[in-house]
Amino acid sequence: MLLEEFHSTPMGGHYGFLRTYRRLADTIYWVGMQKHVRDFVRACDTCQRQKYVATTPGGLLHPLPIPNQIWEDLSLYFITSLPKSKGYDVVLVVVDKLSKYGHFILLKHPYTVKSIAELFMKEIVRLHGIPQSIVVDRAGEVAYRLKLPDDSKIHPVFQVSLLKHAIGNYKVQEALPKELELLAEEDHYPVKVLGSRVTIREGVAVPQSLVQWKNKFLEDVTWEDTDVMRGQFPEFILEDKDAFQEGSIDRGGVANNENEDVGLEIRPKPK
C-alpha cells in the first residue's frame, strides 16, 4: 500500500527507484526496503509501457572464439540500398569465420525469412553442410507482427527495437487506447498506380509511380519511389509499365515536359 501511494498515485508521479526510495525513506523504514522499492518500480506496468531506458548498456565486447573447422561458424549480413542491376539491389554476404571465404548472393525486394532460408539451404548448406553457429551482424529490419484486437486500425508490425520484455504481473489490455486508433479519414493507403516515370537523382535513375491514396481526393496523387512503395506496402501490387517506357526522364525533381510525366490527365498538385 505504501509503495503504491509513493509511486503510482498522482502524488507519487511514477518516479524512478531513487526518487521513490528517498521520499519513502524520509517517512518510514523497514528491513529490505531498498530491494522492495526497486522491485516494485521495475515491475510497474505503467512505467514499462511509457518510459524508456536512456543509459548505454554496460559491458565490454569480447572476441569470438576461433573455429576448429571451415564452414563450422559463419557470419551473415545484408548490404542494402544498392543501385539496381537487373532488378537486384541487395547482397546477402555469408562468410566462413575461419577461412574468410565468402558467398555473395543477390536478392530482390521484397524478400521474406522463408525465402532467405530457402536460398541459404540452396547456396550454402548444399555446398558446405549445416553450420554449428551463425552470427548475424546486420539482419536488416527485424520486426514482429503482434496480435491486436480485430477492430484495431493501426499497423500490427513493430520493429524489434521498440519492444522490451515485460517484468512483473503484466496486465493484458484488451482494447487499445482511443488515441492510438486511426480515424477513417486518416487511414491513407495506396489504391491505384496511375502512371510511372524515371527521375534522375544524383546521377542515378530512380523509378517512380504516380499513386492515388485511399481517403484522399483524386487530385492529391503523389509521385513516390517505386522501391520505397514495394518495401512499405509489399502486399500492394505496383503495375508493370514495361521499364517505365510510358514515363519521362525527370531531372532534379522537375520533368522536362509537364505533359510527358504520364499518359494521363491526372497529375499531382503543383507545390
Protein backbone atom coordinates (compact mmCIF):
# COMPACT_ATOMS: atom_id res chain seq x y z
CA MET A 1 0.00 0.00 0.00
CA LEU A 2 2.82 2.44 0.86
CA LEU A 3 4.72 1.62 -2.32
CA GLU A 4 1.57 2.18 -4.36
CA GLU A 5 0.99 5.52 -2.65
CA PHE A 6 4.55 6.82 -3.06
CA HIS A 7 4.98 5.66 -6.66
CA SER A 8 1.76 5.02 -8.58
CA THR A 9 -0.57 7.76 -7.37
CA PRO A 10 -0.62 11.29 -8.86
CA MET A 11 1.40 12.40 -5.83
CA GLY A 12 3.96 9.67 -6.49
CA GLY A 13 4.26 10.63 -10.15
CA HIS A 14 5.76 7.28 -11.25
CA TYR A 15 9.27 8.47 -10.42
CA GLY A 16 12.23 6.14 -10.70
CA PHE A 17 13.71 4.00 -7.97
CA LEU A 18 15.98 6.64 -6.41
CA ARG A 19 13.38 9.39 -6.03
CA THR A 20 10.73 6.98 -4.80
CA TYR A 21 13.14 5.44 -2.28
CA ARG A 22 14.30 8.80 -0.92
CA ARG A 23 10.76 10.13 -0.49
CA LEU A 24 9.70 6.94 1.23
CA ALA A 25 12.83 6.84 3.45
CA ASP A 26 12.06 10.36 4.74
CA THR A 27 8.87 8.98 6.28
CA ILE A 28 9.40 5.31 7.16
CA TYR A 29 11.95 2.48 7.04
CA TRP A 30 11.83 -1.34 7.17
CA VAL A 31 14.36 -4.13 6.64
CA GLY A 32 14.89 -4.87 2.93
CA MET A 33 13.20 -1.60 1.97
CA GLN A 34 15.65 -0.78 -0.86
CA LYS A 35 15.11 -4.12 -2.61
CA HIS A 36 11.32 -3.91 -2.24
CA VAL A 37 11.20 -0.42 -3.72
CA ARG A 38 13.49 -1.37 -6.60
CA ASP A 39 11.46 -4.48 -7.47
CA PHE A 40 8.18 -2.56 -7.26
CA VAL A 41 9.36 0.24 -9.58
CA ARG A 42 10.83 -2.23 -12.10
CA ALA A 43 7.56 -4.18 -12.23
CA CYS A 44 5.33 -1.09 -12.57
CA ASP A 45 3.15 -1.72 -15.62
CA THR A 46 2.67 1.99 -16.40
CA CYS A 47 6.40 2.75 -16.26
CA GLN A 48 7.23 -0.18 -18.52
CA ARG A 49 4.72 0.99 -21.11
CA GLN A 50 5.55 4.70 -21.07
CA LYS A 51 9.25 5.02 -20.16
CA TYR A 52 12.41 4.05 -22.00
CA VAL A 53 15.99 3.33 -20.92
CA ALA A 54 18.22 6.34 -21.61
CA THR A 55 21.51 4.84 -20.42
CA THR A 56 24.03 2.94 -22.51
CA PRO A 57 24.16 -0.80 -21.73
CA GLY A 58 27.28 -1.73 -19.79
CA GLY A 59 29.79 -4.41 -20.62
CA LEU A 60 32.76 -4.93 -22.91
CA LEU A 61 32.92 -6.56 -26.31
CA HIS A 62 34.54 -10.00 -26.37
CA PRO A 63 36.20 -11.56 -29.45
CA LEU A 64 34.50 -14.61 -30.86
CA PRO A 65 36.37 -17.94 -30.45
CA ILE A 66 38.36 -19.22 -33.43
CA PRO A 67 36.52 -22.13 -35.12
CA ASN A 68 38.15 -25.55 -35.39
CA GLN A 69 36.94 -26.36 -38.92
CA ILE A 70 35.94 -24.45 -42.01
CA TRP A 71 32.26 -23.68 -42.57
CA GLU A 72 31.51 -24.54 -38.97
CA ASP A 73 30.82 -20.96 -37.81
CA LEU A 74 29.52 -18.35 -40.23
CA SER A 75 28.81 -14.65 -40.21
CA LEU A 76 25.90 -13.29 -42.23
CA TYR A 77 24.82 -9.79 -43.10
CA PHE A 78 22.93 -7.80 -45.74
CA ILE A 79 24.18 -4.98 -47.95
CA THR A 80 21.15 -2.89 -48.88
CA SER A 81 20.23 0.29 -50.78
CA LEU A 82 22.47 -0.56 -53.71
CA PRO A 83 21.82 0.74 -57.26
CA LYS A 84 19.65 -1.73 -59.12
CA SER A 85 21.31 -4.14 -61.53
CA LYS A 86 18.99 -6.42 -63.48
CA GLY A 87 16.43 -5.97 -60.71
CA TYR A 88 18.80 -6.84 -57.84
CA ASP A 89 19.56 -4.23 -55.17
CA VAL A 90 20.52 -6.29 -52.08
CA VAL A 91 23.52 -8.57 -51.46
CA LEU A 92 23.42 -11.30 -48.83
CA VAL A 93 27.00 -11.91 -47.65
CA VAL A 94 27.89 -15.22 -45.96
CA VAL A 95 31.49 -15.54 -44.70
CA ASP A 96 33.26 -18.50 -43.12
CA LYS A 97 34.92 -17.19 -39.94
CA LEU A 98 37.95 -19.49 -40.22
CA SER A 99 38.94 -19.36 -43.91
CA LYS A 100 37.30 -15.95 -44.58
CA TYR A 101 35.85 -17.44 -47.76
CA GLY A 102 32.62 -15.72 -48.70
CA HIS A 103 29.49 -16.15 -50.78
CA PHE A 104 27.74 -13.11 -52.26
CA ILE A 105 24.10 -13.84 -53.03
CA LEU A 106 21.93 -11.38 -54.97
CA LEU A 107 18.43 -10.55 -53.69
CA LYS A 108 15.39 -8.66 -54.90
CA HIS A 109 12.77 -6.83 -52.89
CA PRO A 110 10.54 -7.96 -51.34
CA TYR A 111 12.14 -10.96 -49.62
CA THR A 112 10.97 -12.88 -46.54
CA VAL A 113 12.52 -15.02 -43.82
CA LYS A 114 11.28 -18.10 -45.65
CA SER A 115 12.82 -17.09 -48.97
CA ILE A 116 16.15 -16.26 -47.26
CA ALA A 117 16.16 -19.65 -45.51
CA GLU A 118 15.47 -21.47 -48.78
CA LEU A 119 18.24 -19.53 -50.52
CA PHE A 120 20.65 -20.27 -47.65
CA MET A 121 19.92 -24.00 -47.94
CA LYS A 122 20.43 -23.93 -51.70
CA GLU A 123 23.62 -21.82 -51.83
CA ILE A 124 25.37 -22.64 -48.52
CA VAL A 125 24.12 -25.84 -46.89
CA ARG A 126 24.13 -27.71 -50.22
CA LEU A 127 27.84 -26.95 -50.67
CA HIS A 128 29.24 -26.85 -47.13
CA GLY A 129 26.77 -28.61 -44.85
CA ILE A 130 24.85 -27.30 -41.85
CA PRO A 131 26.91 -24.85 -39.75
CA GLN A 132 27.09 -25.01 -35.97
CA SER A 133 26.54 -21.27 -35.48
CA ILE A 134 25.61 -18.17 -37.47
CA VAL A 135 26.47 -14.66 -36.30
CA VAL A 136 24.19 -12.07 -37.84
CA ASP A 137 25.98 -8.72 -37.98
CA ARG A 138 23.16 -6.88 -39.67
CA ALA A 139 19.88 -8.57 -40.38
CA GLY A 140 18.11 -5.56 -41.88
CA GLU A 141 14.78 -4.51 -40.47
CA VAL A 142 13.70 -7.10 -37.89
CA ALA A 143 10.08 -6.80 -36.87
CA TYR A 144 7.28 -8.71 -35.16
CA ARG A 145 3.65 -8.96 -36.17
CA LEU A 146 1.61 -8.54 -32.97
CA LYS A 147 -1.84 -9.93 -32.30
CA LEU A 148 -4.05 -6.86 -31.88
CA PRO A 149 -7.83 -6.59 -31.39
CA ASP A 150 -9.84 -7.35 -34.52
CA ASP A 151 -11.23 -3.81 -34.69
CA SER A 152 -7.77 -2.22 -34.44
CA LYS A 153 -6.84 0.16 -37.25
CA ILE A 154 -3.12 0.53 -36.54
CA HIS A 155 -0.44 -1.47 -38.32
CA PRO A 156 0.35 -4.71 -36.40
CA VAL A 157 4.06 -4.85 -37.35
CA PHE A 158 6.56 -3.28 -34.92
CA GLN A 159 10.36 -3.05 -35.07
CA VAL A 160 12.01 -5.30 -32.51
CA SER A 161 13.97 -2.33 -31.12
CA LEU A 162 10.66 -0.84 -29.95
CA LEU A 163 9.73 -3.92 -27.91
CA LYS A 164 11.02 -4.95 -24.48
CA HIS A 165 10.46 -7.78 -22.03
CA ALA A 166 7.65 -7.21 -19.52
CA ILE A 167 8.53 -7.55 -15.80
CA GLY A 168 6.14 -8.50 -13.02
CA ASN A 169 2.42 -9.14 -13.37
CA TYR A 170 1.77 -7.93 -16.89
CA LYS A 171 -1.76 -6.66 -17.46
CA VAL A 172 -3.19 -7.61 -20.82
CA GLN A 173 -5.04 -4.68 -22.34
CA GLU A 174 -7.98 -5.96 -24.34
CA ALA A 175 -8.74 -2.71 -26.17
CA LEU A 176 -6.25 -0.19 -27.49
CA PRO A 177 -6.37 3.39 -26.18
CA LYS A 178 -8.54 5.63 -28.33
CA GLU A 179 -5.63 7.97 -29.07
CA LEU A 180 -3.84 5.10 -30.87
CA GLU A 181 -6.74 4.37 -33.18
CA LEU A 182 -6.76 5.87 -36.66
CA LEU A 183 -9.81 7.70 -37.86
CA ALA A 184 -11.21 6.62 -41.22
CA GLU A 185 -10.05 9.83 -42.89
CA GLU A 186 -6.51 9.31 -41.51
CA ASP A 187 -6.13 5.81 -42.95
CA HIS A 188 -4.02 6.50 -46.05
CA TYR A 189 -3.17 3.50 -48.19
CA PRO A 190 -2.23 3.23 -51.88
CA VAL A 191 -5.25 2.39 -54.00
CA LYS A 192 -4.02 2.57 -57.58
CA VAL A 193 -0.98 3.41 -59.69
CA LEU A 194 -1.93 5.93 -62.36
CA GLY A 195 1.39 6.27 -64.13
CA SER A 196 5.15 5.99 -63.90
CA ARG A 197 8.37 7.80 -64.73
CA VAL A 198 12.11 7.67 -64.16
CA THR A 199 13.76 10.60 -62.38
CA ILE A 200 17.49 11.25 -62.22
CA ARG A 201 18.73 11.70 -58.64
CA GLU A 202 22.45 12.31 -58.11
CA GLY A 203 23.19 10.67 -61.44
CA VAL A 204 21.14 7.54 -60.67
CA ALA A 205 17.89 6.64 -62.43
CA VAL A 206 15.11 6.24 -59.84
CA PRO A 207 11.78 4.70 -60.98
CA GLN A 208 8.72 6.45 -59.55
CA SER A 209 5.00 5.70 -59.54
CA LEU A 210 2.08 8.13 -59.52
CA VAL A 211 0.00 6.85 -56.60
CA GLN A 212 -3.64 7.51 -55.76
CA TRP A 213 -4.29 7.28 -52.00
CA LYS A 214 -7.24 5.98 -50.02
CA ASN A 215 -9.44 8.66 -48.37
CA LYS A 216 -7.81 11.40 -50.46
CA PHE A 217 -9.06 13.35 -53.43
CA LEU A 218 -8.05 12.27 -56.91
CA GLU A 219 -6.01 15.43 -57.42
CA ASP A 220 -3.96 14.57 -54.30
CA VAL A 221 -1.95 11.93 -56.17
CA THR A 222 1.79 11.95 -55.44
CA TRP A 223 4.98 10.70 -57.03
CA GLU A 224 6.59 8.01 -54.87
CA ASP A 225 9.77 5.99 -55.34
CA THR A 226 8.72 2.57 -56.62
CA ASP A 227 11.26 0.68 -54.49
CA VAL A 228 10.13 2.52 -51.35
CA MET A 229 6.49 1.68 -52.10
CA ARG A 230 7.36 -2.01 -52.54
CA GLY A 231 9.14 -2.01 -49.18
CA GLN A 232 6.41 -0.17 -47.24
CA PHE A 233 3.42 -1.87 -48.89
CA PRO A 234 4.64 -5.31 -50.06
CA GLU A 235 1.07 -6.58 -50.43
CA PHE A 236 0.22 -3.71 -52.78
CA ILE A 237 0.97 -4.74 -56.37
CA LEU A 238 2.56 -2.00 -58.44
CA GLU A 239 1.65 -2.06 -62.10
CA ASP A 240 4.39 -3.02 -64.52
CA LYS A 241 4.94 -0.23 -67.01
CA ASP A 242 7.45 -2.05 -69.25
CA ALA A 243 10.52 -0.47 -67.69
CA PHE A 244 8.63 2.81 -67.45
CA GLN A 245 8.62 3.43 -71.18
CA GLU A 246 5.40 5.42 -70.86
CA GLY A 247 7.01 7.82 -68.44
CA SER A 248 9.59 10.51 -68.91
CA ILE A 249 13.03 11.26 -67.54
CA ASP A 250 12.63 13.74 -64.70
CA ARG A 251 15.85 15.58 -63.82
CA GLY A 252 16.22 17.33 -60.49
CA GLY A 253 12.64 16.64 -59.50
CA VAL A 254 11.16 18.73 -62.39
CA ALA A 255 10.01 16.99 -65.53
CA ASN A 256 11.38 18.02 -68.87
CA ASN A 257 7.87 18.47 -70.11
CA GLU A 258 4.90 18.60 -67.77
CA ASN A 259 2.66 16.88 -70.30
CA GLU A 260 5.10 13.94 -70.56
CA ASP A 261 5.03 12.90 -66.87
CA VAL A 262 2.40 10.25 -67.51
CA GLY A 263 -0.04 9.47 -70.25
CA LEU A 264 -2.94 10.68 -68.09
CA GLU A 265 -4.67 13.94 -67.38
CA ILE A 266 -4.33 13.48 -63.62
CA ARG A 267 -1.18 15.00 -62.13
CA PRO A 268 -0.04 15.98 -58.65
CA LYS A 269 -0.98 19.43 -57.42
CA PRO A 270 1.77 21.97 -58.12
CA LYS A 271 3.65 22.95 -54.97
